[in-house]
C-alpha atoms as a PDB file:
ATOM      1  CA  UNK A   1      16.512  -8.955   0.883  1.00  0.00           C
ATOM      2  CA  UNK A   2      13.437  -8.858  -1.325  1.00  0.00           C
ATOM      3  CA  UNK A   3      11.394 -11.618  -2.848  1.00  0.00           C
ATOM      4  CA  UNK A   4       8.672 -10.600  -5.256  1.00  0.00           C
ATOM      5  CA  UNK A   5       5.777 -12.939  -5.806  1.00  0.00           C
ATOM      6  CA  UNK A   6       3.326 -12.295  -8.617  1.00  0.00           C
ATOM      7  CA  UNK A   7       0.977 -13.957  -9.249  1.00  0.00           C
ATOM      8  CA  UNK A   8       0.164 -15.589  -5.900  1.00  0.00           C
ATOM      9  CA  UNK A   9       1.546 -18.985  -4.943  1.00  0.00           C
ATOM     10  CA  UNK A  10       4.559 -18.509  -7.208  1.00  0.00           C
ATOM     11  CA  UNK A  11       7.554 -17.603  -5.020  1.00  0.00           C
ATOM     12  CA  UNK A  12       9.685 -16.287  -7.864  1.00  0.00           C
ATOM     13  CA  UNK A  13      12.355 -13.613  -7.733  1.00  0.00           C
ATOM     14  CA  UNK A  14      11.532 -11.123 -10.425  1.00  0.00           C
ATOM     15  CA  UNK A  15      14.309  -8.986 -11.798  1.00  0.00           C
ATOM     16  CA  UNK A  16      12.960  -6.261 -14.026  1.00  0.00           C
ATOM     17  CA  UNK A  17      14.275  -2.897 -15.091  1.00  0.00           C
ATOM     18  CA  UNK A  18      12.467   0.295 -14.293  1.00  0.00           C
ATOM     19  CA  UNK A  19      11.515   0.839 -17.923  1.00  0.00           C
ATOM     20  CA  UNK A  20       9.714  -2.477 -18.206  1.00  0.00           C
ATOM     21  CA  UNK A  21       7.917  -1.834 -14.929  1.00  0.00           C
ATOM     22  CA  UNK A  22       6.740   1.598 -15.995  1.00  0.00           C
ATOM     23  CA  UNK A  23       5.424   0.128 -19.241  1.00  0.00           C
ATOM     24  CA  UNK A  24       2.893  -1.867 -17.259  1.00  0.00           C
ATOM     25  CA  UNK A  25       1.366   1.128 -15.542  1.00  0.00           C
ATOM     26  CA  UNK A  26      -1.083   2.284 -18.188  1.00  0.00           C
ATOM     27  CA  UNK A  27      -3.277  -0.725 -17.424  1.00  0.00           C
ATOM     28  CA  UNK A  28      -3.786   0.149 -13.764  1.00  0.00           C
ATOM     29  CA  UNK A  29      -7.257   1.362 -12.868  1.00  0.00           C
ATOM     30  CA  UNK A  30      -9.952   3.065 -14.883  1.00  0.00           C
ATOM     31  CA  UNK A  31      -8.884   6.633 -14.069  1.00  0.00           C
ATOM     32  CA  UNK A  32      -6.779   8.740 -16.372  1.00  0.00           C
ATOM     33  CA  UNK A  33      -5.162  11.724 -14.663  1.00  0.00           C
ATOM     34  CA  UNK A  34      -5.210  14.900 -16.703  1.00  0.00           C
ATOM     35  CA  UNK A  35      -5.445  17.811 -14.313  1.00  0.00           C
ATOM     36  CA  UNK A  36      -7.806  18.522 -11.453  1.00  0.00           C
ATOM     37  CA  UNK A  37      -7.246  20.041  -8.031  1.00  0.00           C
ATOM     38  CA  UNK A  38      -6.001  18.642  -4.756  1.00  0.00           C
ATOM     39  CA  UNK A  39      -8.533  20.460  -2.602  1.00  0.00           C
ATOM     40  CA  UNK A  40     -10.368  17.257  -1.704  1.00  0.00           C
ATOM     41  CA  UNK A  41      -7.435  15.492  -0.087  1.00  0.00           C
ATOM     42  CA  UNK A  42      -7.234  14.875   3.613  1.00  0.00           C
ATOM     43  CA  UNK A  43      -5.214  17.192   5.825  1.00  0.00           C
ATOM     44  CA  UNK A  44      -1.833  16.029   7.055  1.00  0.00           C
ATOM     45  CA  UNK A  45      -2.085  12.883   9.115  1.00  0.00           C
ATOM     46  CA  UNK A  46       0.686  12.052  11.527  1.00  0.00           C
ATOM     47  CA  UNK A  47       0.828   8.334  10.792  1.00  0.00           C
ATOM     48  CA  UNK A  48      -0.259   6.811  14.072  1.00  0.00           C
ATOM     49  CA  UNK A  49      -3.758   5.473  14.594  1.00  0.00           C
ATOM     50  CA  UNK A  50      -5.735   6.992  16.262  1.00  0.00           C
ATOM     51  CA  UNK A  51      -4.562  10.533  15.505  1.00  0.00           C
ATOM     52  CA  UNK A  52      -2.928  12.218  18.467  1.00  0.00           C
ATOM     53  CA  UNK A  53      -2.729   8.983  20.403  1.00  0.00           C
ATOM     54  CA  UNK A  54       0.372   7.277  21.751  1.00  0.00           C
ATOM     55  CA  UNK A  55       2.904   5.740  19.404  1.00  0.00           C
ATOM     56  CA  UNK A  56       1.601   2.561  17.832  1.00  0.00           C
ATOM     57  CA  UNK A  57       3.339  -0.613  18.958  1.00  0.00           C
ATOM     58  CA  UNK A  58       4.701  -2.272  15.838  1.00  0.00           C
ATOM     59  CA  UNK A  59       6.591  -4.984  17.702  1.00  0.00           C
ATOM     60  CA  UNK A  60       6.755  -8.153  15.578  1.00  0.00           C
ATOM     61  CA  UNK A  61       4.116 -10.764  16.365  1.00  0.00           C
ATOM     62  CA  UNK A  62       6.844 -13.125  17.481  1.00  0.00           C
ATOM     63  CA  UNK A  63      10.606 -13.164  17.680  1.00  0.00           C
ATOM     64  CA  UNK A  64      12.191 -14.455  14.480  1.00  0.00           C
ATOM     65  CA  UNK A  65      15.787 -14.800  13.284  1.00  0.00           C
ATOM     66  CA  UNK A  66      15.030 -12.144  10.667  1.00  0.00           C
ATOM     67  CA  UNK A  67      12.307  -9.648   9.944  1.00  0.00           C
ATOM     68  CA  UNK A  68       9.637 -10.924   7.580  1.00  0.00           C
ATOM     69  CA  UNK A  69       7.584  -8.245   5.824  1.00  0.00           C
ATOM     70  CA  UNK A  70       4.870  -8.872   3.246  1.00  0.00           C
ATOM     71  CA  UNK A  71       3.776  -6.050   0.962  1.00  0.00           C
ATOM     72  CA  UNK A  72       0.569  -6.233  -1.083  1.00  0.00           C
ATOM     73  CA  UNK A  73       0.080  -3.609  -3.758  1.00  0.00           C
ATOM     74  CA  UNK A  74      -0.862  -2.558  -7.255  1.00  0.00           C
ATOM     75  CA  UNK A  75       0.995  -0.844 -10.108  1.00  0.00           C
ATOM     76  CA  UNK A  76       2.384   1.906  -7.874  1.00  0.00           C
ATOM     77  CA  UNK A  77       4.186  -0.797  -5.904  1.00  0.00           C
ATOM     78  CA  UNK A  78       5.277  -2.484  -9.144  1.00  0.00           C
ATOM     79  CA  UNK A  79       6.822   0.786 -10.336  1.00  0.00           C
ATOM     80  CA  UNK A  80       8.675   1.198  -7.041  1.00  0.00           C
ATOM     81  CA  UNK A  81      10.013  -2.366  -6.818  1.00  0.00           C
ATOM     82  CA  UNK A  82      13.664  -1.540  -7.634  1.00  0.00           C
ATOM     83  CA  UNK A  83      13.776   1.061  -4.866  1.00  0.00           C
ATOM     84  CA  UNK A  84      11.997  -1.229  -2.447  1.00  0.00           C
ATOM     85  CA  UNK A  85      14.610  -3.878  -3.162  1.00  0.00           C
ATOM     86  CA  UNK A  86      17.379  -1.485  -2.193  1.00  0.00           C
ATOM     87  CA  UNK A  87      15.485  -0.354   0.905  1.00  0.00           C
ATOM     88  CA  UNK A  88      14.949  -3.941   2.034  1.00  0.00           C
ATOM     89  CA  UNK A  89      18.652  -4.661   1.705  1.00  0.00           C
ATOM     90  CA  UNK A  90      19.505  -1.512   3.641  1.00  0.00           C
ATOM     91  CA  UNK A  91      17.082  -2.385   6.441  1.00  0.00           C
ATOM     92  CA  UNK A  92      18.164  -6.017   6.603  1.00  0.00           C
ATOM     93  CA  UNK A  93      14.666  -7.432   6.176  1.00  0.00           C
ATOM     94  CA  UNK A  94      13.105 -10.129   4.053  1.00  0.00           C
ATOM     95  CA  UNK A  95      10.497  -8.391   1.918  1.00  0.00           C
ATOM     96  CA  UNK A  96       8.025 -10.410  -0.135  1.00  0.00           C
ATOM     97  CA  UNK A  97       6.018  -8.277  -2.550  1.00  0.00           C
ATOM     98  CA  UNK A  98       2.707  -9.385  -4.045  1.00  0.00           C
ATOM     99  CA  UNK A  99       2.069  -6.596  -6.545  1.00  0.00           C
ATOM    100  CA  UNK A 100       0.075  -6.627  -9.746  1.00  0.00           C
ATOM    101  CA  UNK A 101      -1.202  -3.953 -12.086  1.00  0.00           C
ATOM    102  CA  UNK A 102      -4.899  -3.243 -11.519  1.00  0.00           C
ATOM    103  CA  UNK A 103      -5.230  -5.010  -8.174  1.00  0.00           C
ATOM    104  CA  UNK A 104      -8.226  -4.028  -6.039  1.00  0.00           C
ATOM    105  CA  UNK A 105      -8.918  -4.684  -2.355  1.00  0.00           C
ATOM    106  CA  UNK A 106     -11.736  -7.250  -2.429  1.00  0.00           C
ATOM    107  CA  UNK A 107     -12.782  -7.491  -6.096  1.00  0.00           C
ATOM    108  CA  UNK A 108     -11.159  -9.234  -9.022  1.00  0.00           C
ATOM    109  CA  UNK A 109      -9.874 -12.472 -10.455  1.00  0.00           C
ATOM    110  CA  UNK A 110      -7.231 -11.203 -12.887  1.00  0.00           C
ATOM    111  CA  UNK A 111      -5.442  -9.934 -10.973  1.00  0.00           C
ATOM    112  CA  UNK A 112      -6.809 -11.560  -7.870  1.00  0.00           C
ATOM    113  CA  UNK A 113      -8.033  -9.269  -5.118  1.00  0.00           C
ATOM    114  CA  UNK A 114      -5.937  -8.326  -2.132  1.00  0.00           C
ATOM    115  CA  UNK A 115      -8.143 -10.385   0.148  1.00  0.00           C
ATOM    116  CA  UNK A 116      -7.218 -13.525  -1.766  1.00  0.00           C
ATOM    117  CA  UNK A 117      -3.546 -12.618  -1.507  1.00  0.00           C
ATOM    118  CA  UNK A 118      -3.849 -12.300   2.283  1.00  0.00           C
ATOM    119  CA  UNK A 119      -5.408 -15.746   2.553  1.00  0.00           C
ATOM    120  CA  UNK A 120      -2.604 -17.223   0.460  1.00  0.00           C
ATOM    121  CA  UNK A 121       0.060 -15.480   2.548  1.00  0.00           C
ATOM    122  CA  UNK A 122      -1.434 -16.716   5.807  1.00  0.00           C
ATOM    123  CA  UNK A 123      -1.438 -20.276   4.476  1.00  0.00           C
ATOM    124  CA  UNK A 124       2.354 -20.001   4.650  1.00  0.00           C
ATOM    125  CA  UNK A 125       2.419 -18.491   8.135  1.00  0.00           C
ATOM    126  CA  UNK A 126       2.074 -15.104   9.794  1.00  0.00           C
ATOM    127  CA  UNK A 127       4.498 -12.380   8.643  1.00  0.00           C
ATOM    128  CA  UNK A 128       5.913  -9.958  11.187  1.00  0.00           C
ATOM    129  CA  UNK A 129       4.446  -6.961   9.333  1.00  0.00           C
ATOM    130  CA  UNK A 130       1.951  -6.341   6.529  1.00  0.00           C
ATOM    131  CA  UNK A 131       2.514  -3.310   4.289  1.00  0.00           C
ATOM    132  CA  UNK A 132      -0.580  -2.601   2.203  1.00  0.00           C
ATOM    133  CA  UNK A 133      -0.675  -0.233  -0.780  1.00  0.00           C
ATOM    134  CA  UNK A 134      -4.151  -0.836  -2.165  1.00  0.00           C
ATOM    135  CA  UNK A 135      -7.131   1.376  -2.865  1.00  0.00           C
ATOM    136  CA  UNK A 136      -6.074   3.265  -5.984  1.00  0.00           C
ATOM    137  CA  UNK A 137      -8.092   0.971  -8.242  1.00  0.00           C
ATOM    138  CA  UNK A 138     -11.103   1.169  -5.906  1.00  0.00           C
ATOM    139  CA  UNK A 139     -11.302   4.976  -6.012  1.00  0.00           C
ATOM    140  CA  UNK A 140     -14.499   6.055  -7.758  1.00  0.00           C
ATOM    141  CA  UNK A 141     -16.074   2.601  -7.564  1.00  0.00           C
ATOM    142  CA  UNK A 142     -18.104   3.482  -4.453  1.00  0.00           C
ATOM    143  CA  UNK A 143     -20.179   6.499  -3.486  1.00  0.00           C
ATOM    144  CA  UNK A 144     -19.785   6.768   0.286  1.00  0.00           C
ATOM    145  CA  UNK A 145     -17.198   6.517   3.016  1.00  0.00           C
ATOM    146  CA  UNK A 146     -19.128   3.581   4.496  1.00  0.00           C
ATOM    147  CA  UNK A 147     -18.853   1.637   1.240  1.00  0.00           C
ATOM    148  CA  UNK A 148     -15.092   2.148   1.150  1.00  0.00           C
ATOM    149  CA  UNK A 149     -14.890   1.182   4.824  1.00  0.00           C
ATOM    150  CA  UNK A 150     -16.699  -2.078   4.044  1.00  0.00           C
ATOM    151  CA  UNK A 151     -13.951  -3.024   1.572  1.00  0.00           C
ATOM    152  CA  UNK A 152     -11.191  -2.140   4.018  1.00  0.00           C
ATOM    153  CA  UNK A 153     -12.870  -3.960   6.920  1.00  0.00           C
ATOM    154  CA  UNK A 154     -13.188  -7.134   4.866  1.00  0.00           C
ATOM    155  CA  UNK A 155      -9.477  -6.992   4.125  1.00  0.00           C
ATOM    156  CA  UNK A 156      -8.202  -6.214   7.623  1.00  0.00           C
ATOM    157  CA  UNK A 157     -10.633  -8.722   9.105  1.00  0.00           C
ATOM    158  CA  UNK A 158      -8.531 -11.450   7.512  1.00  0.00           C
ATOM    159  CA  UNK A 159      -5.320 -10.273   9.197  1.00  0.00           C
ATOM    160  CA  UNK A 160      -4.856 -11.519  12.772  1.00  0.00           C
ATOM    161  CA  UNK A 161      -5.029  -8.622  15.230  1.00  0.00           C
ATOM    162  CA  UNK A 162      -1.538  -9.400  16.566  1.00  0.00           C
ATOM    163  CA  UNK A 163      -0.036  -8.643  13.154  1.00  0.00           C
ATOM    164  CA  UNK A 164       0.745  -4.938  12.609  1.00  0.00           C
ATOM    165  CA  UNK A 165      -0.416  -3.251   9.420  1.00  0.00           C
ATOM    166  CA  UNK A 166       1.149  -0.255   7.677  1.00  0.00           C
ATOM    167  CA  UNK A 167      -1.258   0.954   4.962  1.00  0.00           C
ATOM    168  CA  UNK A 168      -0.266   3.500   2.312  1.00  0.00           C
ATOM    169  CA  UNK A 169      -3.203   5.795   1.600  1.00  0.00           C
ATOM    170  CA  UNK A 170      -4.368   6.937  -1.853  1.00  0.00           C
ATOM    171  CA  UNK A 171      -4.493   9.924  -4.153  1.00  0.00           C
ATOM    172  CA  UNK A 172      -5.843  10.373  -7.675  1.00  0.00           C
ATOM    173  CA  UNK A 173      -5.417  13.870  -9.077  1.00  0.00           C
ATOM    174  CA  UNK A 174      -8.709  13.804 -11.012  1.00  0.00           C
ATOM    175  CA  UNK A 175     -10.657  12.343  -8.099  1.00  0.00           C
ATOM    176  CA  UNK A 176      -9.529  14.277  -5.025  1.00  0.00           C
ATOM    177  CA  UNK A 177     -12.890  14.041  -3.240  1.00  0.00           C
ATOM    178  CA  UNK A 178     -13.182  10.294  -3.855  1.00  0.00           C
ATOM    179  CA  UNK A 179      -9.594   9.899  -2.663  1.00  0.00           C
ATOM    180  CA  UNK A 180     -10.485  11.809   0.504  1.00  0.00           C
ATOM    181  CA  UNK A 181     -13.500   9.554   1.099  1.00  0.00           C
ATOM    182  CA  UNK A 182     -11.315   6.469   0.844  1.00  0.00           C
ATOM    183  CA  UNK A 183      -8.645   7.911   3.127  1.00  0.00           C
ATOM    184  CA  UNK A 184     -11.231   8.917   5.712  1.00  0.00           C
ATOM    185  CA  UNK A 185     -12.587   5.363   5.643  1.00  0.00           C
ATOM    186  CA  UNK A 186      -9.044   4.045   6.040  1.00  0.00           C
ATOM    187  CA  UNK A 187      -8.418   6.199   9.103  1.00  0.00           C
ATOM    188  CA  UNK A 188     -11.691   5.273  10.787  1.00  0.00           C
ATOM    189  CA  UNK A 189     -11.340   1.559  10.041  1.00  0.00           C
ATOM    190  CA  UNK A 190      -7.744   1.250  11.209  1.00  0.00           C
ATOM    191  CA  UNK A 191      -8.512   3.347  14.283  1.00  0.00           C
ATOM    192  CA  UNK A 192     -10.994   0.669  15.314  1.00  0.00           C
ATOM    193  CA  UNK A 193      -8.703  -2.174  14.313  1.00  0.00           C
ATOM    194  CA  UNK A 194      -5.614  -0.769  16.039  1.00  0.00           C
ATOM    195  CA  UNK A 195      -2.036  -2.060  15.765  1.00  0.00           C
ATOM    196  CA  UNK A 196      -1.733  -0.107  12.538  1.00  0.00           C
ATOM    197  CA  UNK A 197      -0.184   2.946  10.949  1.00  0.00           C
ATOM    198  CA  UNK A 198      -1.017   4.978   7.848  1.00  0.00           C
ATOM    199  CA  UNK A 199       1.677   6.181   5.451  1.00  0.00           C
ATOM    200  CA  UNK A 200       0.567   9.437   3.846  1.00  0.00           C
ATOM    201  CA  UNK A 201       1.072   9.067   0.099  1.00  0.00           C
ATOM    202  CA  UNK A 202      -1.756  11.593  -0.292  1.00  0.00           C
ATOM    203  CA  UNK A 203       0.466  14.205   1.349  1.00  0.00           C
ATOM    204  CA  UNK A 204       3.252  13.574  -1.171  1.00  0.00           C
ATOM    205  CA  UNK A 205       1.436  12.804  -4.419  1.00  0.00           C
ATOM    206  CA  UNK A 206       0.011  16.329  -4.678  1.00  0.00           C
ATOM    207  CA  UNK A 207       3.478  17.821  -5.079  1.00  0.00           C
ATOM    208  CA  UNK A 208       4.832  18.845  -8.482  1.00  0.00           C
ATOM    209  CA  UNK A 209       6.708  16.167 -10.387  1.00  0.00           C
ATOM    210  CA  UNK A 210       5.464  13.222  -8.315  1.00  0.00           C
ATOM    211  CA  UNK A 211       2.772  11.818 -10.629  1.00  0.00           C
ATOM    212  CA  UNK A 212       3.171  11.214 -14.362  1.00  0.00           C
ATOM    213  CA  UNK A 213      -0.519  11.018 -15.249  1.00  0.00           C
ATOM    214  CA  UNK A 214      -2.350  11.955 -12.091  1.00  0.00           C
ATOM    215  CA  UNK A 215      -2.168   8.366 -10.817  1.00  0.00           C
ATOM    216  CA  UNK A 216       1.211   6.719 -11.366  1.00  0.00           C
ATOM    217  CA  UNK A 217       4.535   7.947 -10.042  1.00  0.00           C
ATOM    218  CA  UNK A 218       7.319   9.486 -12.065  1.00  0.00           C
ATOM    219  CA  UNK A 219      10.838   8.289 -11.300  1.00  0.00           C
ATOM    220  CA  UNK A 220      10.979  10.923  -8.561  1.00  0.00           C
ATOM    221  CA  UNK A 221       7.545   9.823  -7.354  1.00  0.00           C
ATOM    222  CA  UNK A 222       8.629   6.189  -7.164  1.00  0.00           C
ATOM    223  CA  UNK A 223      11.615   7.260  -5.084  1.00  0.00           C
ATOM    224  CA  UNK A 224       9.316   9.201  -2.732  1.00  0.00           C
ATOM    225  CA  UNK A 225       6.930   6.249  -2.491  1.00  0.00           C
ATOM    226  CA  UNK A 226       9.841   3.966  -1.662  1.00  0.00           C
ATOM    227  CA  UNK A 227      11.069   6.341   1.049  1.00  0.00           C
ATOM    228  CA  UNK A 228       7.564   6.482   2.525  1.00  0.00           C
ATOM    229  CA  UNK A 229       7.376   2.695   2.739  1.00  0.00           C
ATOM    230  CA  UNK A 230      10.923   2.476   4.034  1.00  0.00           C
ATOM    231  CA  UNK A 231      10.106   4.888   6.855  1.00  0.00           C
ATOM    232  CA  UNK A 232       7.008   2.883   7.791  1.00  0.00           C
ATOM    233  CA  UNK A 233       9.034  -0.322   7.996  1.00  0.00           C
ATOM    234  CA  UNK A 234      11.861   1.398   9.864  1.00  0.00           C
ATOM    235  CA  UNK A 235       9.450   2.622  12.526  1.00  0.00           C
ATOM    236  CA  UNK A 236       8.425  -0.976  13.088  1.00  0.00           C
ATOM    237  CA  UNK A 237      12.030  -2.102  13.350  1.00  0.00           C
ATOM    238  CA  UNK A 238      12.729   0.645  15.891  1.00  0.00           C
END
């Protein structure tokens, strides 16, 4: 089951075809992919935090009749919504998606920032799992790993420590080094936070045929993104 909420505080089921979703994507972010190299991306990361440590416990915060998952994302999530709907049905979870084109982590009013979404979600209670797919629209806005870490810390600081987080990392083809800075900040921040896992979109997005413009997924890319998120949720269910 999937419920998609956008904008916040409007619990509306949105049924949209893939074509209409893809049409929204050109507005996401300030970057326009047109080449570039992938040599600045992070090496393969196994998914658990910290690297090489024991499996992360993604047990739900409390026993519930179902499995309540909230996903907060930007246009990449919007593009993948049809696949995420099918994955949610297959996994037997209730998935509420707060996804808007151009969303950033802590900055913005239209669309509102991810931090504001978290506060709104928590007003309705604590989900069993947060899936976060933010950062793409923050790439290139900061100069150092510490500055990216500040944005991520502000976000995760709003999520109670008992709630597990699965965060999808980032990749922009024309900004590989900036993408690597963000992903390094994500690893270090979630390593400190704990009760978290990282889904490696940066390991997939560099492959041929995955991105349409260096940022947004093709149809094949959206399917790969969906599978990545599905696997992250499935590991929590297991």
